[in-house]
Amino acid sequence: MKLLIVADTLDVNASSGAKGRLAFINSLVQSGYHCTVYHYSRIPVLINGVKKCVEIPEAKASLYYWLAKTQVLLQRVLKTNFNHWIEHKRGFSFTHTYDWKSIQKAIKHENPQDYDAILALSYASSFRSHRAILDLPDWHKKFIAYVHDPYPMHSYPRPYDWVEPGHQFKRNFFVAITRSAQHLIYPSKLLAQWMESYYHDAHGKALVIPHQLPVQSIENTTVPAWVAINKFIILHAGSLMSARNPTYICEAFQELCKENKEFKEQAQLVFIGSDSVFNDTLNTYKNSCKQIVIQPDRLPFKETLAIQGIATVHVILEAVGSISPFLPGKIAHAIHAQKHMLLLGPYYSEARRILGKNYPFYSEINDVDNIKSKLYEMYLQWKSHGMDFKYSDHRLNDYFSPSYLKKQLDTAIDATHHNTTS
């Protein structure tokens, strides 16, 4: 089958969403699809197995390009951010508009008759690729939309939910996506169910395809000196956001260090990722417990993968709440690295659903005593016989595989072909 793939960005060093979308494309190639890729990364991207990979240029002749640049200039001079007012009036920033118009201009060069499907791959709340396709009705019968997170923000579960400026414009936009797309790809079953509770037209269109395993080579990649390679390394990689509170695991780890001299000598708790609202909290723990290591700067993706490969335990940290419909991309990375996970999150979550209710290393995020117990149990296992986990013998290895992706996508495209020809 021939697929036209339109991605907002594939710059893996700029966005965790880009990492996931690039892994998704790599799995499509491994599955035997003939892929043509258009991306708006503003940097060249090469993908093994993709003969045509087009870097979409900015359409600088657009009125919205100059409106956006004028806005930036005025903001610098007047020291006022006008985006809140602009989005309240029209739903989206001028930058968002000229971005999707740039994407649309590029894909107009392609003929829908040459492809079996067009896939719009976005990240977070961008959806620029999706917006570009909405105004191209000739593609709608072949339109498959990737939905990474709930949209818009007021449809997030607590504690994340808040009302954005122009939220009704954004909701109307997503209603149009659910009506125009033949299928909606979600990385999570709970996310699909969650979105269907908000959007009637999304019912019956869900394809649940989890985040794919990374394939980037880490040969000749040096692990930073601050990582104690031979120790019991507990790693959290990625953004903490405003609701992923690291306080409780820091407290549990610090208490274990105080109570057990051997654990203190052999363990290390590492946080890597961009700055967050928890910087002061993390630095307080770091100053009182030298076994806690903070790396607030964004590392190159290859370096992060290398650290994940030598870590003993991957921490999956979610928000305190009643439900988490998200599938953290770190789960795919832990499977790729053949490592156990310490899952800290709500009782009802996609991560817990796929790991299984009997998964031994789970705790609610704010249960310090239970986290401490799980950490020590994992430490004792590591000390006696190591902690590597062979996912090749586990059902998750198949669930995250390109063959599972191909089975889901083939069925959906075949069904679409049948519906449009009958």
Protein backbone atom coordinates (compact mmCIF):
# COMPACT_ATOMS: atom_id res chain seq x y z
CA MET A 1 0.00 0.00 0.00
CA LYS A 2 1.06 3.57 -0.69
CA LEU A 3 0.78 6.10 2.11
CA LEU A 4 1.18 9.87 2.08
CA ILE A 5 2.34 10.94 5.53
CA VAL A 6 2.09 14.56 6.63
CA ALA A 7 3.85 15.38 9.91
CA ASP A 8 4.00 18.61 11.89
CA THR A 9 7.60 17.90 12.90
CA LEU A 10 10.10 15.03 12.90
CA ASP A 11 12.85 16.91 14.78
CA VAL A 12 13.55 14.37 17.54
CA ASN A 13 15.69 16.80 19.52
CA ALA A 14 12.90 19.38 19.76
CA SER A 15 9.85 17.37 20.76
CA SER A 16 8.97 14.08 22.43
CA GLY A 17 6.00 13.94 20.05
CA ALA A 18 8.40 14.06 17.11
CA LYS A 19 10.26 11.06 18.52
CA GLY A 20 7.01 9.11 18.63
CA ARG A 21 5.94 10.10 15.11
CA LEU A 22 9.34 9.21 13.65
CA ALA A 23 9.20 5.80 15.33
CA PHE A 24 5.69 5.37 13.88
CA ILE A 25 6.96 6.10 10.35
CA ASN A 26 9.88 3.71 10.82
CA SER A 27 7.41 0.97 11.79
CA LEU A 28 5.34 1.71 8.68
CA VAL A 29 8.46 1.27 6.54
CA GLN A 30 9.38 -1.96 8.36
CA SER A 31 5.84 -3.21 7.70
CA GLY A 32 6.31 -2.89 3.94
CA TYR A 33 4.30 0.27 3.24
CA HIS A 34 5.52 2.57 0.46
CA CYS A 35 5.73 5.89 2.30
CA THR A 36 6.00 9.42 0.97
CA VAL A 37 6.68 11.83 3.83
CA TYR A 38 6.06 15.58 4.04
CA HIS A 39 7.21 17.24 7.27
CA TYR A 40 7.27 20.78 8.62
CA SER A 41 10.37 20.34 10.79
CA ARG A 42 12.32 23.21 9.19
CA ILE A 43 15.37 20.90 9.19
CA PRO A 44 16.34 18.11 6.76
CA VAL A 45 15.24 14.64 7.89
CA LEU A 46 16.41 11.34 6.37
CA ILE A 47 14.43 8.16 7.03
CA ASN A 48 15.76 4.77 5.95
CA GLY A 49 13.39 3.19 3.46
CA VAL A 50 11.62 6.45 2.53
CA LYS A 51 12.62 7.53 -0.97
CA LYS A 52 10.69 10.79 -0.92
CA CYS A 53 10.98 12.82 2.30
CA VAL A 54 10.05 16.46 1.72
CA GLU A 55 10.94 19.29 4.10
CA ILE A 56 8.00 21.69 3.77
CA PRO A 57 9.12 25.32 3.39
CA GLU A 58 7.39 28.24 5.05
CA ALA A 59 4.95 29.99 2.70
CA LYS A 60 6.32 33.45 3.40
CA ALA A 61 4.06 35.08 0.83
CA SER A 62 1.11 34.40 3.14
CA LEU A 63 -0.60 37.35 4.82
CA TYR A 64 -0.60 35.35 8.07
CA TYR A 65 3.19 34.99 7.95
CA TRP A 66 3.58 38.77 8.03
CA LEU A 67 0.85 39.18 10.65
CA ALA A 68 2.70 36.67 12.86
CA LYS A 69 6.05 38.39 12.39
CA THR A 70 4.49 41.81 13.06
CA GLN A 71 2.94 40.44 16.23
CA VAL A 72 6.32 39.14 17.43
CA LEU A 73 7.90 42.54 16.76
CA LEU A 74 5.14 44.40 18.62
CA GLN A 75 5.42 42.01 21.56
CA ARG A 76 9.13 42.73 21.85
CA VAL A 77 8.59 46.48 21.73
CA LEU A 78 5.49 46.67 23.94
CA LYS A 79 6.43 43.66 26.12
CA THR A 80 2.87 42.33 25.81
CA ASN A 81 1.74 38.92 24.56
CA PHE A 82 -1.23 39.36 22.24
CA ASN A 83 -1.84 35.65 21.62
CA HIS A 84 -4.46 35.32 24.35
CA TRP A 85 -6.59 38.03 22.72
CA ILE A 86 -5.98 36.73 19.18
CA GLU A 87 -6.94 33.15 20.07
CA HIS A 88 -9.99 34.40 21.96
CA LYS A 89 -11.16 36.16 18.78
CA ARG A 90 -10.27 33.55 16.15
CA GLY A 91 -9.30 30.35 17.97
CA PHE A 92 -5.73 30.06 16.68
CA SER A 93 -2.60 32.16 16.51
CA PHE A 94 -1.43 33.75 13.27
CA THR A 95 1.58 31.42 13.40
CA HIS A 96 -0.66 28.34 13.57
CA THR A 97 -2.57 29.58 10.51
CA TYR A 98 0.43 30.29 8.28
CA ASP A 99 1.98 26.98 9.37
CA TRP A 100 -0.98 24.90 8.22
CA LYS A 101 -1.32 26.95 5.05
CA SER A 102 2.36 26.20 4.32
CA ILE A 103 1.70 22.49 4.82
CA GLN A 104 -1.41 22.61 2.65
CA LYS A 105 0.42 24.38 -0.18
CA ALA A 106 3.05 21.62 -0.22
CA ILE A 107 0.70 18.61 -0.25
CA LYS A 108 -1.38 20.11 -3.08
CA HIS A 109 1.39 18.82 -5.35
CA GLU A 110 0.27 15.25 -4.61
CA ASN A 111 -2.64 13.40 -6.24
CA PRO A 112 -5.07 11.50 -3.97
CA GLN A 113 -5.43 8.83 -6.67
CA ASP A 114 -1.78 7.86 -6.18
CA TYR A 115 -2.25 6.80 -2.54
CA ASP A 116 -4.26 4.36 -0.46
CA ALA A 117 -4.35 6.70 2.55
CA ILE A 118 -3.12 10.04 3.85
CA LEU A 119 -1.96 10.08 7.49
CA ALA A 120 -1.79 13.31 9.48
CA LEU A 121 0.74 12.94 12.30
CA SER A 122 0.70 15.63 14.95
CA TYR A 123 2.00 16.07 18.48
CA ALA A 124 0.37 17.50 21.61
CA SER A 125 -2.15 20.18 20.57
CA SER A 126 -0.58 21.22 17.26
CA PHE A 127 -2.80 19.47 14.65
CA ARG A 128 -1.43 21.65 11.86
CA SER A 129 -1.27 18.73 9.41
CA HIS A 130 -4.88 17.84 10.20
CA ARG A 131 -6.01 21.42 9.59
CA ALA A 132 -4.24 21.46 6.23
CA ILE A 133 -6.14 18.37 5.07
CA LEU A 134 -9.55 19.65 6.20
CA ASP A 135 -9.63 22.16 3.33
CA LEU A 136 -8.70 19.46 0.78
CA PRO A 137 -11.95 17.42 0.48
CA ASP A 138 -10.55 15.19 -2.27
CA TRP A 139 -8.39 13.56 0.43
CA HIS A 140 -11.15 12.99 2.98
CA LYS A 141 -12.09 9.48 1.80
CA LYS A 142 -8.50 8.45 2.56
CA PHE A 143 -7.90 10.62 5.63
CA ILE A 144 -6.49 8.94 8.76
CA ALA A 145 -5.87 11.31 11.67
CA TYR A 146 -3.42 10.63 14.50
CA VAL A 147 -4.61 11.88 17.91
CA HIS A 148 -1.86 11.94 20.52
CA ASP A 149 -3.68 13.71 23.39
CA PRO A 150 -7.18 14.93 24.27
CA TYR A 151 -8.19 18.12 22.47
CA PRO A 152 -8.77 20.91 23.30
CA MET A 153 -7.35 21.37 26.79
CA HIS A 154 -10.71 21.58 28.56
CA SER A 155 -11.31 17.94 27.54
CA TYR A 156 -8.25 16.74 29.47
CA PRO A 157 -8.90 14.82 32.70
CA ARG A 158 -8.12 16.51 35.98
CA PRO A 159 -5.74 17.86 37.15
CA TYR A 160 -4.70 18.96 33.64
CA ASP A 161 -7.97 20.46 32.40
CA TRP A 162 -8.33 24.19 31.88
CA VAL A 163 -10.23 26.35 29.40
CA GLU A 164 -8.07 27.85 26.67
CA PRO A 165 -8.81 31.13 24.88
CA GLY A 166 -10.90 30.38 21.81
CA HIS A 167 -11.77 26.93 23.12
CA GLN A 168 -15.07 26.79 21.18
CA PHE A 169 -13.22 27.44 17.92
CA LYS A 170 -10.85 24.63 18.82
CA ARG A 171 -13.67 22.24 19.67
CA ASN A 172 -15.45 23.03 16.38
CA PHE A 173 -12.18 22.37 14.57
CA PHE A 174 -11.86 18.95 16.17
CA VAL A 175 -15.50 18.13 15.40
CA ALA A 176 -14.61 18.76 11.75
CA ILE A 177 -11.66 16.33 12.04
CA THR A 178 -13.84 13.57 13.51
CA ARG A 179 -16.35 14.04 10.69
CA SER A 180 -13.85 14.23 7.83
CA ALA A 181 -11.41 11.49 8.86
CA GLN A 182 -12.21 7.88 8.03
CA HIS A 183 -10.19 6.65 11.01
CA LEU A 184 -8.64 8.13 14.15
CA ILE A 185 -5.42 6.56 15.42
CA TYR A 186 -4.92 6.71 19.19
CA PRO A 187 -1.89 5.36 21.10
CA SER A 188 -4.22 4.38 23.95
CA LYS A 189 -7.50 2.47 24.26
CA LEU A 190 -8.56 4.62 27.21
CA LEU A 191 -7.81 7.76 25.19
CA ALA A 192 -10.02 6.52 22.36
CA GLN A 193 -12.87 5.92 24.80
CA TRP A 194 -12.24 9.28 26.47
CA MET A 195 -12.40 11.21 23.19
CA GLU A 196 -15.49 9.35 22.03
CA SER A 197 -17.25 10.60 25.16
CA TYR A 198 -16.69 14.16 23.86
CA TYR A 199 -17.15 13.66 20.11
CA HIS A 200 -20.09 11.66 18.76
CA ASP A 201 -18.67 11.48 15.22
CA ALA A 202 -15.53 9.74 16.53
CA HIS A 203 -17.48 6.59 17.41
CA GLY A 204 -16.55 3.56 15.31
CA LYS A 205 -13.44 5.20 13.85
CA ALA A 206 -10.82 4.32 16.48
CA LEU A 207 -7.59 2.48 15.69
CA VAL A 208 -5.54 1.80 18.81
CA ILE A 209 -1.86 1.60 17.86
CA PRO A 210 0.61 2.15 20.71
CA HIS A 211 3.77 4.22 20.47
CA GLN A 212 6.37 2.35 18.45
CA LEU A 213 9.81 1.31 19.63
CA PRO A 214 12.67 3.70 18.77
CA VAL A 215 15.09 2.47 16.10
CA GLN A 216 17.80 5.15 16.24
CA SER A 217 21.31 3.75 16.55
CA ILE A 218 23.32 4.71 19.64
CA GLU A 219 26.65 3.38 18.38
CA ASN A 220 29.60 5.56 19.44
CA THR A 221 27.34 7.50 21.83
CA THR A 222 29.02 8.33 25.13
CA VAL A 223 27.06 8.19 28.36
CA PRO A 224 27.66 11.36 30.46
CA ALA A 225 30.15 11.02 33.30
CA TRP A 226 27.52 11.94 35.92
CA VAL A 227 25.71 8.63 35.27
CA ALA A 228 27.10 5.92 37.58
CA ILE A 229 27.07 3.07 35.06
CA ASN A 230 27.55 0.18 37.49
CA LYS A 231 25.02 1.34 40.07
CA PHE A 232 21.32 0.68 40.61
CA ILE A 233 20.07 3.56 38.41
CA ILE A 234 16.46 4.71 38.74
CA LEU A 235 15.76 6.95 35.75
CA HIS A 236 13.03 9.42 34.91
CA ALA A 237 13.52 10.79 31.39
CA GLY A 238 11.31 13.51 29.93
CA SER A 239 9.18 16.46 30.91
CA LEU A 240 7.64 16.55 34.38
CA MET A 241 4.95 19.03 33.30
CA SER A 242 2.92 20.73 36.01
CA ALA A 243 1.07 17.68 37.29
CA ARG A 244 3.77 15.00 37.35
CA ASN A 245 5.04 15.60 40.84
CA PRO A 246 8.44 13.99 41.60
CA THR A 247 8.29 14.86 45.31
CA TYR A 248 7.05 11.47 46.48
CA ILE A 249 9.62 9.31 44.69
CA CYS A 250 12.37 11.70 45.86
CA GLU A 251 11.11 11.38 49.43
CA ALA A 252 10.93 7.58 49.21
CA PHE A 253 14.43 7.37 47.69
CA GLN A 254 15.92 9.73 50.29
CA GLU A 255 14.38 7.75 53.16
CA LEU A 256 15.83 4.51 51.75
CA CYS A 257 19.27 6.13 51.56
CA LYS A 258 18.99 7.20 55.20
CA GLU A 259 17.78 3.80 56.38
CA ASN A 260 20.08 1.54 54.35
CA LYS A 261 23.77 2.35 53.96
CA GLU A 262 24.31 -0.29 51.27
CA PHE A 263 21.41 1.05 49.18
CA LYS A 264 22.79 4.56 49.56
CA GLU A 265 26.19 3.48 48.25
CA GLN A 266 24.82 1.57 45.27
CA ALA A 267 21.75 3.55 44.11
CA GLN A 268 21.24 6.65 42.02
CA LEU A 269 18.02 8.50 41.17
CA VAL A 270 18.40 10.41 37.89
CA PHE A 271 16.11 13.01 36.32
CA ILE A 272 16.81 14.18 32.77
CA GLY A 273 14.64 16.60 30.83
CA SER A 274 13.84 20.24 30.37
CA ASP A 275 13.23 22.72 33.20
CA SER A 276 9.93 22.39 35.07
CA VAL A 277 7.96 23.97 37.90
CA PHE A 278 9.58 21.38 40.17
CA ASN A 279 13.14 22.67 39.74
CA ASP A 280 13.34 24.17 43.22
CA THR A 281 11.88 21.01 44.80
CA LEU A 282 14.30 18.75 42.94
CA ASN A 283 17.29 20.92 43.81
CA THR A 284 16.31 20.84 47.49
CA TYR A 285 16.37 17.04 47.44
CA LYS A 286 19.56 17.02 45.38
CA ASN A 287 21.30 19.25 47.93
CA SER A 288 20.33 16.98 50.82
CA CYS A 289 20.94 13.66 49.02
CA LYS A 290 23.88 13.49 46.62
CA GLN A 291 22.55 10.23 45.15
CA ILE A 292 19.85 12.29 43.38
CA VAL A 293 21.12 13.64 40.05
CA ILE A 294 19.32 16.40 38.11
CA GLN A 295 20.07 17.16 34.47
CA PRO A 296 17.65 19.98 33.55
CA ASP A 297 19.04 20.62 30.06
CA ARG A 298 17.54 18.90 27.05
CA LEU A 299 19.95 16.18 25.90
CA PRO A 300 20.38 14.93 22.32
CA PHE A 301 17.98 12.04 21.71
CA LYS A 302 20.79 9.56 21.07
CA GLU A 303 22.33 10.41 24.44
CA THR A 304 18.99 9.93 26.21
CA LEU A 305 18.56 6.53 24.53
CA ALA A 306 22.05 5.53 25.67
CA ILE A 307 21.25 6.46 29.28
CA GLN A 308 17.97 4.55 29.07
CA GLY A 309 19.94 1.54 27.89
CA ILE A 310 22.18 1.43 30.98
CA ALA A 311 19.54 2.45 33.56
CA THR A 312 18.22 -0.29 35.83
CA VAL A 313 14.67 0.98 36.32
CA HIS A 314 12.59 3.34 34.17
CA VAL A 315 10.17 5.51 36.15
CA ILE A 316 6.77 6.10 34.52
CA LEU A 317 5.45 9.12 36.41
CA GLU A 318 1.86 10.25 35.87
CA ALA A 319 -0.38 12.84 37.47
CA VAL A 320 -2.37 12.46 40.68
CA GLY A 321 -5.95 11.97 39.51
CA SER A 322 -8.77 9.52 39.06
CA ILE A 323 -7.71 8.39 35.56
CA SER A 324 -4.85 8.75 33.10
CA PRO A 325 -5.86 7.89 29.52
CA PHE A 326 -2.38 8.68 28.17
CA LEU A 327 0.19 6.13 27.05
CA PRO A 328 3.59 7.56 28.05
CA GLY A 329 6.15 7.23 25.27
CA LYS A 330 8.67 6.18 27.93
CA ILE A 331 6.96 2.77 28.08
CA ALA A 332 8.03 2.02 24.50
CA HIS A 333 11.55 3.16 25.40
CA ALA A 334 11.65 0.86 28.44
CA ILE A 335 10.55 -2.10 26.33
CA HIS A 336 13.16 -1.24 23.71
CA ALA A 337 15.82 -1.10 26.44
CA GLN A 338 14.54 -4.37 28.01
CA LYS A 339 14.09 -2.71 31.41
CA HIS A 340 11.57 -2.98 34.20
CA MET A 341 9.35 -0.01 34.93
CA LEU A 342 8.28 1.56 38.19
CA LEU A 343 4.77 2.77 37.36
CA LEU A 344 3.54 5.65 39.51
CA GLY A 345 0.05 6.80 38.61
CA PRO A 346 -3.71 6.43 39.05
CA TYR A 347 -5.39 3.06 39.57
CA TYR A 348 -7.21 3.58 36.26
CA SER A 349 -4.63 4.28 33.59
CA GLU A 350 -3.65 3.07 30.13
CA ALA A 351 -0.16 2.23 31.38
CA ARG A 352 -1.58 -0.04 34.08
CA ARG A 353 -4.06 -1.55 31.63
CA ILE A 354 -1.36 -2.74 29.26
CA LEU A 355 1.12 -3.80 31.96
CA GLY A 356 -1.64 -5.72 33.74
CA LYS A 357 -3.32 -5.27 37.09
CA ASN A 358 -0.94 -7.78 38.64
CA TYR A 359 2.18 -5.92 37.53
CA PRO A 360 4.29 -5.97 40.71
CA PHE A 361 6.02 -2.61 40.48
CA TYR A 362 3.07 -0.24 40.63
CA SER A 363 2.14 2.40 43.18
CA GLU A 364 -0.05 5.45 43.31
CA ILE A 365 2.15 8.48 42.83
CA ASN A 366 1.73 9.94 46.36
CA ASP A 367 2.12 6.73 48.40
CA VAL A 368 5.65 7.23 49.75
CA ASP A 369 5.72 4.03 51.82
CA ASN A 370 4.61 1.87 48.91
CA ILE A 371 7.06 3.52 46.53
CA LYS A 372 9.84 2.91 49.02
CA SER A 373 8.80 -0.74 49.32
CA LYS A 374 8.77 -1.21 45.52
CA LEU A 375 12.15 0.48 45.11
CA TYR A 376 13.74 -1.73 47.74
CA GLU A 377 12.19 -4.87 46.24
CA MET A 378 13.61 -3.94 42.84
CA TYR A 379 16.99 -3.17 44.40
CA LEU A 380 17.15 -6.60 46.05
CA GLN A 381 16.31 -8.28 42.73
CA TRP A 382 19.00 -6.27 40.96
CA LYS A 383 21.52 -7.14 43.66
CA SER A 384 20.82 -10.88 43.48
CA HIS A 385 20.43 -11.52 39.74
CA GLY A 386 19.98 -8.28 37.81
CA MET A 387 16.85 -6.55 36.60
CA ASP A 388 16.82 -6.93 32.82
CA PHE A 389 13.43 -8.05 31.58
CA LYS A 390 13.17 -9.96 28.30
CA TYR A 391 10.13 -8.47 26.60
CA SER A 392 10.77 -10.84 23.68
CA ASP A 393 8.92 -13.43 25.76
CA HIS A 394 6.19 -11.01 26.81
CA ARG A 395 2.87 -10.12 25.13
CA LEU A 396 3.88 -6.43 25.08
CA ASN A 397 6.63 -7.20 22.59
CA ASP A 398 3.95 -8.09 20.03
CA TYR A 399 1.62 -5.26 21.03
CA PHE A 400 4.32 -2.65 20.34
CA SER A 401 5.59 -4.34 17.17
CA PRO A 402 5.32 -3.19 13.52
CA SER A 403 3.37 -6.38 12.73
CA TYR A 404 0.60 -5.35 15.15
CA LEU A 405 0.55 -1.86 13.61
CA LYS A 406 0.29 -3.34 10.11
CA LYS A 407 -2.57 -5.63 11.08
CA GLN A 408 -4.61 -2.73 12.49
CA LEU A 409 -3.87 -0.34 9.64
CA ASP A 410 -4.40 -2.87 6.83
CA THR A 411 -7.82 -3.79 8.23
CA ALA A 412 -8.83 -0.12 8.44
CA ILE A 413 -7.64 0.81 4.93
CA ASP A 414 -9.27 -2.28 3.40
CA ALA A 415 -12.54 -1.40 5.12
CA THR A 416 -12.31 2.17 3.80
CA HIS A 417 -11.71 0.91 0.26
CA HIS A 418 -14.71 -1.40 0.53
CA ASN A 419 -16.97 1.38 1.81
CA THR A 420 -15.96 3.84 -0.90
CA THR A 421 -16.36 1.36 -3.77
CA SER A 422 -19.58 -0.34 -2.64
